[in-house]
Amino acid sequence: MTTNRPKRLTEAKARAIADTAQLTKSASWSTTSEWNVTADDGTVLVVVTPSYGGASRSGRNGWTYYLPALGPSGNRDRWPTRQQAATQGLMAWIRWATAAR
């Protein structure tokens, strides 16, 4: 699988980017209910999506995330709030951004 990975970041630089990132509604929020975790420069680091398949009236059973650089991966982990999913996604992004190439 080919990805357009930027050069490897140091742990400190990746954490600095993650510390200033914000959770915002995506441009397609009205149809997808997705939220984006964006860096100060507007780069989308993480996409947070609602997870369905639960027993609630809406069928929603939490939130999950994926890294846009890798695409939806079928992550089965779910978190009760979008903020928790965003935090887990940022931790995954830091691991991805600092991984050896």
PDB file of N, CA and C in Angstrom:
ATOM      1  N   MET A   1       0.846  -1.178   0.000  1.00  0.00           N
ATOM      2  CA  MET A   1       0.000   0.000   0.000  1.00  0.00           C
ATOM      3  C   MET A   1       0.887   1.235   0.000  1.00  0.00           C
ATOM      4  N   THR A   2       0.617   2.133  -0.880  1.00  0.00           N
ATOM      5  CA  THR A   2       1.405   3.342  -0.983  1.00  0.00           C
ATOM      6  C   THR A   2       0.703   4.478  -0.247  1.00  0.00           C
ATOM      7  N   THR A   3       1.448   5.135   0.632  1.00  0.00           N
ATOM      8  CA  THR A   3       0.900   6.306   1.304  1.00  0.00           C
ATOM      9  C   THR A   3       1.869   7.452   1.115  1.00  0.00           C
ATOM     10  N   ASN A   4       1.351   8.644   1.102  1.00  0.00           N
ATOM     11  CA  ASN A   4       2.180   9.831   0.976  1.00  0.00           C
ATOM     12  C   ASN A   4       2.578  10.279   2.367  1.00  0.00           C
ATOM     13  N   ARG A   5       3.515   9.573   2.954  1.00  0.00           N
ATOM     14  CA  ARG A   5       3.938   9.892   4.307  1.00  0.00           C
ATOM     15  C   ARG A   5       4.915  11.052   4.295  1.00  0.00           C
ATOM     16  N   PRO A   6       4.664  12.018   5.141  1.00  0.00           N
ATOM     17  CA  PRO A   6       5.655  13.086   5.276  1.00  0.00           C
ATOM     18  C   PRO A   6       6.887  12.529   5.961  1.00  0.00           C
ATOM     19  N   LYS A   7       7.926  13.322   6.008  1.00  0.00           N
ATOM     20  CA  LYS A   7       9.118  12.842   6.683  1.00  0.00           C
ATOM     21  C   LYS A   7       8.798  12.569   8.152  1.00  0.00           C
ATOM     22  N   ARG A   8       9.556  11.703   8.720  1.00  0.00           N
ATOM     23  CA  ARG A   8       9.335  11.293  10.106  1.00  0.00           C
ATOM     24  C   ARG A   8       9.490  12.485  11.039  1.00  0.00           C
ATOM     25  N   LEU A   9       8.559  12.604  11.982  1.00  0.00           N
ATOM     26  CA  LEU A   9       8.610  13.671  12.975  1.00  0.00           C
ATOM     27  C   LEU A   9       9.257  13.159  14.253  1.00  0.00           C
ATOM     28  N   THR A  10       9.836  14.068  14.988  1.00  0.00           N
ATOM     29  CA  THR A  10      10.322  13.694  16.314  1.00  0.00           C
ATOM     30  C   THR A  10       9.117  13.583  17.241  1.00  0.00           C
ATOM     31  N   GLU A  11       9.284  12.878  18.331  1.00  0.00           N
ATOM     32  CA  GLU A  11       8.210  12.721  19.309  1.00  0.00           C
ATOM     33  C   GLU A  11       7.739  14.085  19.820  1.00  0.00           C
ATOM     34  N   ALA A  12       8.682  14.968  20.110  1.00  0.00           N
ATOM     35  CA  ALA A  12       8.338  16.297  20.631  1.00  0.00           C
ATOM     36  C   ALA A  12       7.537  17.105  19.617  1.00  0.00           C
ATOM     37  N   LYS A  13       7.938  17.074  18.356  1.00  0.00           N
ATOM     38  CA  LYS A  13       7.234  17.823  17.315  1.00  0.00           C
ATOM     39  C   LYS A  13       5.827  17.259  17.100  1.00  0.00           C
ATOM     40  N   ALA A  14       5.704  15.934  17.065  1.00  0.00           N
ATOM     41  CA  ALA A  14       4.394  15.311  16.877  1.00  0.00           C
ATOM     42  C   ALA A  14       3.464  15.643  18.041  1.00  0.00           C
ATOM     43  N   ARG A  15       3.978  15.609  19.263  1.00  0.00           N
ATOM     44  CA  ARG A  15       3.154  15.957  20.433  1.00  0.00           C
ATOM     45  C   ARG A  15       2.754  17.430  20.412  1.00  0.00           C
ATOM     46  N   ALA A  16       3.641  18.292  19.947  1.00  0.00           N
ATOM     47  CA  ALA A  16       3.320  19.716  19.855  1.00  0.00           C
ATOM     48  C   ALA A  16       2.190  19.944  18.854  1.00  0.00           C
ATOM     49  N   ILE A  17       2.224  19.246  17.740  1.00  0.00           N
ATOM     50  CA  ILE A  17       1.152  19.353  16.747  1.00  0.00           C
ATOM     51  C   ILE A  17      -0.154  18.825  17.335  1.00  0.00           C
ATOM     52  N   ALA A  18      -0.086  17.674  17.996  1.00  0.00           N
ATOM     53  CA  ALA A  18      -1.280  17.065  18.590  1.00  0.00           C
ATOM     54  C   ALA A  18      -1.864  17.934  19.701  1.00  0.00           C
ATOM     55  N   ASP A  19      -1.002  18.585  20.472  1.00  0.00           N
ATOM     56  CA  ASP A  19      -1.473  19.425  21.575  1.00  0.00           C
ATOM     57  C   ASP A  19      -2.296  20.623  21.107  1.00  0.00           C
ATOM     58  N   THR A  20      -2.029  21.109  19.907  1.00  0.00           N
ATOM     59  CA  THR A  20      -2.756  22.273  19.406  1.00  0.00           C
ATOM     60  C   THR A  20      -3.887  21.895  18.448  1.00  0.00           C
ATOM     61  N   ALA A  21      -4.041  20.619  18.152  1.00  0.00           N
ATOM     62  CA  ALA A  21      -5.083  20.167  17.228  1.00  0.00           C
ATOM     63  C   ALA A  21      -6.463  20.392  17.847  1.00  0.00           C
ATOM     64  N   GLN A  22      -7.447  20.593  16.982  1.00  0.00           N
ATOM     65  CA  GLN A  22      -8.813  20.854  17.436  1.00  0.00           C
ATOM     66  C   GLN A  22      -9.795  19.906  16.772  1.00  0.00           C
ATOM     67  N   LEU A  23     -10.823  19.539  17.522  1.00  0.00           N
ATOM     68  CA  LEU A  23     -11.908  18.706  17.016  1.00  0.00           C
ATOM     69  C   LEU A  23     -12.974  19.618  16.431  1.00  0.00           C
ATOM     70  N   THR A  24     -13.231  19.474  15.130  1.00  0.00           N
ATOM     71  CA  THR A  24     -14.198  20.323  14.443  1.00  0.00           C
ATOM     72  C   THR A  24     -15.097  19.468  13.552  1.00  0.00           C
ATOM     73  N   LYS A  25     -16.262  19.995  13.236  1.00  0.00           N
ATOM     74  CA  LYS A  25     -17.151  19.295  12.314  1.00  0.00           C
ATOM     75  C   LYS A  25     -16.502  19.246  10.935  1.00  0.00           C
ATOM     76  N   SER A  26     -16.641  18.115  10.266  1.00  0.00           N
ATOM     77  CA  SER A  26     -16.083  18.018   8.914  1.00  0.00           C
ATOM     78  C   SER A  26     -16.998  18.768   7.948  1.00  0.00           C
ATOM     79  N   ALA A  27     -16.489  19.032   6.774  1.00  0.00           N
ATOM     80  CA  ALA A  27     -17.281  19.740   5.761  1.00  0.00           C
ATOM     81  C   ALA A  27     -18.516  18.934   5.370  1.00  0.00           C
ATOM     82  N   SER A  28     -18.427  17.614   5.487  1.00  0.00           N
ATOM     83  CA  SER A  28     -19.557  16.746   5.130  1.00  0.00           C
ATOM     84  C   SER A  28     -20.365  16.318   6.352  1.00  0.00           C
ATOM     85  N   TRP A  29     -20.235  17.047   7.439  1.00  0.00           N
ATOM     86  CA  TRP A  29     -20.882  16.663   8.687  1.00  0.00           C
ATOM     87  C   TRP A  29     -22.390  16.449   8.547  1.00  0.00           C
ATOM     88  N   SER A  30     -23.063  17.284   7.786  1.00  0.00           N
ATOM     89  CA  SER A  30     -24.522  17.196   7.683  1.00  0.00           C
ATOM     90  C   SER A  30     -24.989  15.866   7.103  1.00  0.00           C
ATOM     91  N   THR A  31     -24.159  15.217   6.308  1.00  0.00           N
ATOM     92  CA  THR A  31     -24.551  13.929   5.728  1.00  0.00           C
ATOM     93  C   THR A  31     -23.829  12.744   6.356  1.00  0.00           C
ATOM     94  N   THR A  32     -22.637  12.962   6.915  1.00  0.00           N
ATOM     95  CA  THR A  32     -21.858  11.835   7.440  1.00  0.00           C
ATOM     96  C   THR A  32     -21.729  11.819   8.956  1.00  0.00           C
ATOM     97  N   SER A  33     -21.985  12.930   9.608  1.00  0.00           N
ATOM     98  CA  SER A  33     -21.792  13.095  11.063  1.00  0.00           C
ATOM     99  C   SER A  33     -20.330  12.911  11.478  1.00  0.00           C
ATOM    100  N   GLU A  34     -19.409  13.067  10.532  1.00  0.00           N
ATOM    101  CA  GLU A  34     -17.983  12.934  10.841  1.00  0.00           C
ATOM    102  C   GLU A  34     -17.428  14.217  11.433  1.00  0.00           C
ATOM    103  N   TRP A  35     -16.423  14.040  12.275  1.00  0.00           N
ATOM    104  CA  TRP A  35     -15.686  15.149  12.862  1.00  0.00           C
ATOM    105  C   TRP A  35     -14.226  14.975  12.487  1.00  0.00           C
ATOM    106  N   ASN A  36     -13.504  16.085  12.368  1.00  0.00           N
ATOM    107  CA  ASN A  36     -12.085  16.048  12.039  1.00  0.00           C
ATOM    108  C   ASN A  36     -11.260  16.603  13.190  1.00  0.00           C
ATOM    109  N   VAL A  37     -10.114  15.996  13.399  1.00  0.00           N
ATOM    110  CA  VAL A  37      -9.121  16.571  14.298  1.00  0.00           C
ATOM    111  C   VAL A  37      -8.103  17.226  13.378  1.00  0.00           C
ATOM    112  N   THR A  38      -8.041  18.558  13.433  1.00  0.00           N
ATOM    113  CA  THR A  38      -7.203  19.297  12.501  1.00  0.00           C
ATOM    114  C   THR A  38      -6.052  19.998  13.208  1.00  0.00           C
ATOM    115  N   ALA A  39      -4.923  20.042  12.524  1.00  0.00           N
ATOM    116  CA  ALA A  39      -3.753  20.760  13.013  1.00  0.00           C
ATOM    117  C   ALA A  39      -3.952  22.253  12.752  1.00  0.00           C
ATOM    118  N   ASP A  40      -3.068  23.068  13.314  1.00  0.00           N
ATOM    119  CA  ASP A  40      -3.161  24.522  13.128  1.00  0.00           C
ATOM    120  C   ASP A  40      -3.118  24.939  11.662  1.00  0.00           C
ATOM    121  N   ASP A  41      -2.398  24.177  10.832  1.00  0.00           N
ATOM    122  CA  ASP A  41      -2.288  24.544   9.419  1.00  0.00           C
ATOM    123  C   ASP A  41      -3.459  24.035   8.580  1.00  0.00           C
ATOM    124  N   GLY A  42      -4.444  23.399   9.216  1.00  0.00           N
ATOM    125  CA  GLY A  42      -5.625  22.913   8.513  1.00  0.00           C
ATOM    126  C   GLY A  42      -5.544  21.468   8.069  1.00  0.00           C
ATOM    127  N   THR A  43      -4.420  20.813   8.301  1.00  0.00           N
ATOM    128  CA  THR A  43      -4.265  19.418   7.924  1.00  0.00           C
ATOM    129  C   THR A  43      -5.150  18.544   8.803  1.00  0.00           C
ATOM    130  N   VAL A  44      -5.909  17.653   8.183  1.00  0.00           N
ATOM    131  CA  VAL A  44      -6.750  16.729   8.941  1.00  0.00           C
ATOM    132  C   VAL A  44      -5.866  15.566   9.395  1.00  0.00           C
ATOM    133  N   LEU A  45      -5.739  15.407  10.702  1.00  0.00           N
ATOM    134  CA  LEU A  45      -4.908  14.346  11.272  1.00  0.00           C
ATOM    135  C   LEU A  45      -5.708  13.078  11.517  1.00  0.00           C
ATOM    136  N   VAL A  46      -6.940  13.247  11.991  1.00  0.00           N
ATOM    137  CA  VAL A  46      -7.787  12.122  12.385  1.00  0.00           C
ATOM    138  C   VAL A  46      -9.224  12.429  11.974  1.00  0.00           C
ATOM    139  N   VAL A  47      -9.939  11.404  11.528  1.00  0.00           N
ATOM    140  CA  VAL A  47     -11.365  11.525  11.247  1.00  0.00           C
ATOM    141  C   VAL A  47     -12.096  10.676  12.285  1.00  0.00           C
ATOM    142  N   VAL A  48     -13.043  11.293  12.980  1.00  0.00           N
ATOM    143  CA  VAL A  48     -13.830  10.605  14.001  1.00  0.00           C
ATOM    144  C   VAL A  48     -15.219  10.369  13.418  1.00  0.00           C
ATOM    145  N   THR A  49     -15.661   9.118  13.445  1.00  0.00           N
ATOM    146  CA  THR A  49     -16.940   8.766  12.845  1.00  0.00           C
ATOM    147  C   THR A  49     -17.838   8.063  13.855  1.00  0.00           C
ATOM    148  N   PRO A  50     -19.147   8.228  13.704  1.00  0.00           N
ATOM    149  CA  PRO A  50     -20.045   7.486  14.581  1.00  0.00           C
ATOM    150  C   PRO A  50     -19.999   6.005  14.225  1.00  0.00           C
ATOM    151  N   SER A  51     -20.160   5.177  15.227  1.00  0.00           N
ATOM    152  CA  SER A  51     -20.175   3.741  15.032  1.00  0.00           C
ATOM    153  C   SER A  51     -21.609   3.253  15.206  1.00  0.00           C
ATOM    154  N   TYR A  52     -22.050   2.424  14.311  1.00  0.00           N
ATOM    155  CA  TYR A  52     -23.422   1.933  14.365  1.00  0.00           C
ATOM    156  C   TYR A  52     -23.419   0.426  14.610  1.00  0.00           C
ATOM    157  N   GLY A  53     -24.557  -0.099  14.981  1.00  0.00           N
ATOM    158  CA  GLY A  53     -24.690  -1.528  15.220  1.00  0.00           C
ATOM    159  C   GLY A  53     -25.130  -1.828  16.639  1.00  0.00           C
ATOM    160  N   GLY A  54     -25.425  -0.790  17.388  1.00  0.00           N
ATOM    161  CA  GLY A  54     -25.827  -0.971  18.773  1.00  0.00           C
ATOM    162  C   GLY A  54     -27.316  -1.190  18.925  1.00  0.00           C
ATOM    163  N   ALA A  55     -27.739  -1.304  20.154  1.00  0.00           N
ATOM    164  CA  ALA A  55     -29.137  -1.583  20.457  1.00  0.00           C
ATOM    165  C   ALA A  55     -29.932  -0.313  20.753  1.00  0.00           C
ATOM    166  N   SER A  56     -29.304   0.856  20.660  1.00  0.00           N
ATOM    167  CA  SER A  56     -30.029   2.083  20.951  1.00  0.00           C
ATOM    168  C   SER A  56     -31.027   2.393  19.838  1.00  0.00           C
ATOM    169  N   ARG A  57     -31.883   3.353  20.075  1.00  0.00           N
ATOM    170  CA  ARG A  57     -32.908   3.707  19.093  1.00  0.00           C
ATOM    171  C   ARG A  57     -32.281   4.115  17.761  1.00  0.00           C
ATOM    172  N   SER A  58     -31.178   4.868  17.813  1.00  0.00           N
ATOM    173  CA  SER A  58     -30.527   5.324  16.582  1.00  0.00           C
ATOM    174  C   SER A  58     -29.624   4.253  15.980  1.00  0.00           C
ATOM    175  N   GLY A  59     -29.302   3.231  16.763  1.00  0.00           N
ATOM    176  CA  GLY A  59     -28.379   2.195  16.297  1.00  0.00           C
ATOM    177  C   GLY A  59     -26.931   2.559  16.534  1.00  0.00           C
ATOM    178  N   ARG A  60     -26.689   3.763  17.028  1.00  0.00           N
ATOM    179  CA  ARG A  60     -25.325   4.214  17.271  1.00  0.00           C
ATOM    180  C   ARG A  60     -24.821   3.596  18.565  1.00  0.00           C
ATOM    181  N   ASN A  61     -23.579   3.112  18.536  1.00  0.00           N
ATOM    182  CA  ASN A  61     -23.028   2.498  19.744  1.00  0.00           C
ATOM    183  C   ASN A  61     -21.663   3.067  20.118  1.00  0.00           C
ATOM    184  N   GLY A  62     -21.402   4.297  19.737  1.00  0.00           N
ATOM    185  CA  GLY A  62     -20.149   4.935  20.109  1.00  0.00           C
ATOM    186  C   GLY A  62     -19.504   5.641  18.934  1.00  0.00           C
ATOM    187  N   TRP A  63     -18.199   5.870  19.083  1.00  0.00           N
ATOM    188  CA  TRP A  63     -17.413   6.586  18.082  1.00  0.00           C
ATOM    189  C   TRP A  63     -16.142   5.825  17.800  1.00  0.00           C
ATOM    190  N   THR A  64     -15.668   5.921  16.582  1.00  0.00           N
ATOM    191  CA  THR A  64     -14.405   5.313  16.187  1.00  0.00           C
ATOM    192  C   THR A  64     -13.622   6.346  15.378  1.00  0.00           C
ATOM    193  N   TYR A  65     -12.397   6.018  15.015  1.00  0.00           N
ATOM    194  CA  TYR A  65     -11.561   6.971  14.278  1.00  0.00           C
ATOM    195  C   TYR A  65     -10.780   6.249  13.195  1.00  0.00           C
ATOM    196  N   TYR A  66     -10.241   7.027  12.277  1.00  0.00           N
ATOM    197  CA  TYR A  66      -9.238   6.526  11.336  1.00  0.00           C
ATOM    198  C   TYR A  66      -8.317   7.666  10.942  1.00  0.00           C
ATOM    199  N   LEU A  67      -7.144   7.307  10.473  1.00  0.00           N
ATOM    200  CA  LEU A  67      -6.168   8.290   9.991  1.00  0.00           C
ATOM    201  C   LEU A  67      -6.405   8.481   8.500  1.00  0.00           C
ATOM    202  N   PRO A  68      -6.652   9.705   8.046  1.00  0.00           N
ATOM    203  CA  PRO A  68      -6.941   9.931   6.632  1.00  0.00           C
ATOM    204  C   PRO A  68      -5.824   9.444   5.705  1.00  0.00           C
ATOM    205  N   ALA A  69      -4.594   9.499   6.167  1.00  0.00           N
ATOM    206  CA  ALA A  69      -3.469   9.053   5.334  1.00  0.00           C
ATOM    207  C   ALA A  69      -3.530   7.554   5.069  1.00  0.00           C
ATOM    208  N   LEU A  70      -4.208   6.805   5.947  1.00  0.00           N
ATOM    209  CA  LEU A  70      -4.295   5.359   5.794  1.00  0.00           C
ATOM    210  C   LEU A  70      -5.676   4.901   5.351  1.00  0.00           C
ATOM    211  N   GLY A  71      -6.675   5.753   5.487  1.00  0.00           N
ATOM    212  CA  GLY A  71      -8.036   5.412   5.097  1.00  0.00           C
ATOM    213  C   GLY A  71      -8.731   4.587   6.164  1.00  0.00           C
ATOM    214  N   PRO A  72     -10.044   4.409   6.006  1.00  0.00           N
ATOM    215  CA  PRO A  72     -10.792   3.605   6.978  1.00  0.00           C
ATOM    216  C   PRO A  72     -10.230   2.186   7.020  1.00  0.00           C
ATOM    217  N   SER A  73      -9.958   1.708   8.218  1.00  0.00           N
ATOM    218  CA  SER A  73      -9.289   0.410   8.343  1.00  0.00           C
ATOM    219  C   SER A  73     -10.153  -0.662   8.974  1.00  0.00           C
ATOM    220  N   GLY A  74     -11.386  -0.354   9.271  1.00  0.00           N
ATOM    221  CA  GLY A  74     -12.225  -1.344   9.917  1.00  0.00           C
ATOM    222  C   GLY A  74     -11.919  -1.488  11.396  1.00  0.00           C
ATOM    223  N   ASN A  75     -11.427  -0.426  11.998  1.00  0.00           N
ATOM    224  CA  ASN A  75     -11.122  -0.421  13.425  1.00  0.00           C
ATOM    225  C   ASN A  75     -12.382  -0.772  14.197  1.00  0.00           C
ATOM    226  N   ARG A  76     -12.339  -1.808  15.008  1.00  0.00           N
ATOM    227  CA  ARG A  76     -13.514  -2.237  15.751  1.00  0.00           C
ATOM    228  C   ARG A  76     -13.589  -1.619  17.136  1.00  0.00           C
ATOM    229  N   ASP A  77     -12.549  -0.928  17.554  1.00  0.00           N
ATOM    230  CA  ASP A  77     -12.562  -0.287  18.863  1.00  0.00           C
ATOM    231  C   ASP A  77     -13.534   0.887  18.838  1.00  0.00           C
ATOM    232  N   ARG A  78     -14.306   1.011  19.923  1.00  0.00           N
ATOM    233  CA  ARG A  78     -15.273   2.098  20.032  1.00  0.00           C
ATOM    234  C   ARG A  78     -15.092   2.816  21.354  1.00  0.00           C
ATOM    235  N   TRP A  79     -15.392   4.104  21.332  1.00  0.00           N
ATOM    236  CA  TRP A  79     -15.334   4.915  22.544  1.00  0.00           C
ATOM    237  C   TRP A  79     -16.676   5.586  22.729  1.00  0.00           C
ATOM    238  N   PRO A  80     -17.070   5.836  23.979  1.00  0.00           N
ATOM    239  CA  PRO A  80     -18.396   6.401  24.231  1.00  0.00           C
ATOM    240  C   PRO A  80     -18.571   7.844  23.751  1.00  0.00           C
ATOM    241  N   THR A  81     -17.507   8.619  23.681  1.00  0.00           N
ATOM    242  CA  THR A  81     -17.635  10.008  23.236  1.00  0.00           C
ATOM    243  C   THR A  81     -16.695  10.276  22.066  1.00  0.00           C
ATOM    244  N   ARG A  82     -17.034  11.291  21.283  1.00  0.00           N
ATOM    245  CA  ARG A  82     -16.158  11.633  20.157  1.00  0.00           C
ATOM    246  C   ARG A  82     -14.835  12.201  20.642  1.00  0.00           C
ATOM    247  N   GLN A  83     -14.823  12.855  21.817  1.00  0.00           N
ATOM    248  CA  GLN A  83     -13.579  13.384  22.369  1.00  0.00           C
ATOM    249  C   GLN A  83     -12.620  12.244  22.729  1.00  0.00           C
ATOM    250  N   GLN A  84     -13.145  11.165  23.288  1.00  0.00           N
ATOM    251  CA  GLN A  84     -12.290  10.022  23.616  1.00  0.00           C
ATOM    252  C   GLN A  84     -11.759   9.361  22.350  1.00  0.00           C
ATOM    253  N   ALA A  85     -12.598   9.237  21.331  1.00  0.00           N
ATOM    254  CA  ALA A  85     -12.146   8.667  20.056  1.00  0.00           C
ATOM    255  C   ALA A  85     -11.088   9.565  19.428  1.00  0.00           C
ATOM    256  N   ALA A  86     -11.270  10.887  19.521  1.00  0.00           N
ATOM    257  CA  ALA A  86     -10.294  11.829  18.972  1.00  0.00           C
ATOM    258  C   ALA A  86      -8.960  11.704  19.695  1.00  0.00           C
ATOM    259  N   THR A  87      -8.995  11.551  21.005  1.00  0.00           N
ATOM    260  CA  THR A  87      -7.760  11.391  21.781  1.00  0.00           C
ATOM    261  C   THR A  87      -7.034  10.115  21.380  1.00  0.00           C
ATOM    262  N   GLN A  88      -7.763   9.021  21.253  1.00  0.00           N
ATOM    263  CA  GLN A  88      -7.149   7.761  20.827  1.00  0.00           C
ATOM    264  C   GLN A  88      -6.592   7.885  19.412  1.00  0.00           C
ATOM    265  N   GLY A  89      -7.327   8.596  18.549  1.00  0.00           N
ATOM    266  CA  GLY A  89      -6.862   8.814  17.186  1.00  0.00           C
ATOM    267  C   GLY A  89      -5.587   9.634  17.144  1.00  0.00           C
ATOM    268  N   LEU A  90      -5.498  10.656  17.977  1.00  0.00           N
ATOM    269  CA  LEU A  90      -4.272  11.467  18.027  1.00  0.00           C
ATOM    270  C   LEU A  90      -3.095  10.637  18.525  1.00  0.00           C
ATOM    271  N   MET A  91      -3.330   9.753  19.484  1.00  0.00           N
ATOM    272  CA  MET A  91      -2.242   8.885  19.949  1.00  0.00           C
ATOM    273  C   MET A  91      -1.776   7.963  18.819  1.00  0.00           C
ATOM    274  N   ALA A  92      -2.721   7.460  18.031  1.00  0.00           N
ATOM    275  CA  ALA A  92      -2.357   6.630  16.878  1.00  0.00           C
ATOM    276  C   ALA A  92      -1.615   7.456  15.835  1.00  0.00           C
ATOM    277  N   TRP A  93      -2.049   8.705  15.621  1.00  0.00           N
ATOM    278  CA  TRP A  93      -1.369   9.567  14.658  1.00  0.00           C
ATOM    279  C   TRP A  93       0.063   9.835  15.094  1.00  0.00           C
ATOM    280  N   ILE A  94       0.280  10.075  16.388  1.00  0.00           N
ATOM    281  CA  ILE A  94       1.642  10.301  16.887  1.00  0.00           C
ATOM    282  C   ILE A  94       2.509   9.075  16.619  1.00  0.00           C
ATOM    283  N   ARG A  95       1.976   7.885  16.883  1.00  0.00           N
ATOM    284  CA  ARG A  95       2.750   6.655  16.600  1.00  0.00           C
ATOM    285  C   ARG A  95       3.068   6.547  15.108  1.00  0.00           C
ATOM    286  N   TRP A  96       2.093   6.859  14.262  1.00  0.00           N
ATOM    287  CA  TRP A  96       2.291   6.773  12.812  1.00  0.00           C
ATOM    288  C   TRP A  96       3.299   7.820  12.340  1.00  0.00           C
ATOM    289  N   ALA A  97       3.190   9.057  12.840  1.00  0.00           N
ATOM    290  CA  ALA A  97       4.061  10.152  12.395  1.00  0.00           C
ATOM    291  C   ALA A  97       5.499  10.000  12.862  1.00  0.00           C
ATOM    292  N   THR A  98       5.702   9.271  13.949  1.00  0.00           N
ATOM    293  CA  THR A  98       7.060   9.108  14.479  1.00  0.00           C
ATOM    294  C   THR A  98       7.671   7.748  14.151  1.00  0.00           C
ATOM    295  N   ALA A  99       6.931   6.905  13.455  1.00  0.00           N
ATOM    296  CA  ALA A  99       7.428   5.566  13.133  1.00  0.00           C
ATOM    297  C   ALA A  99       8.587   5.630  12.145  1.00  0.00           C
ATOM    298  N   ALA A 100       9.483   4.691  12.282  1.00  0.00           N
ATOM    299  CA  ALA A 100      10.615   4.601  11.359  1.00  0.00           C
ATOM    300  C   ALA A 100      10.095   4.285   9.963  1.00  0.00           C
ATOM    301  N   ARG A 101      10.684   4.884   8.979  1.00  0.00           N
ATOM    302  CA  ARG A 101      10.247   4.672   7.593  1.00  0.00           C
ATOM    303  C   ARG A 101      10.960   3.518   6.980  1.00  0.00           C
TER     304      ARG A 101
END
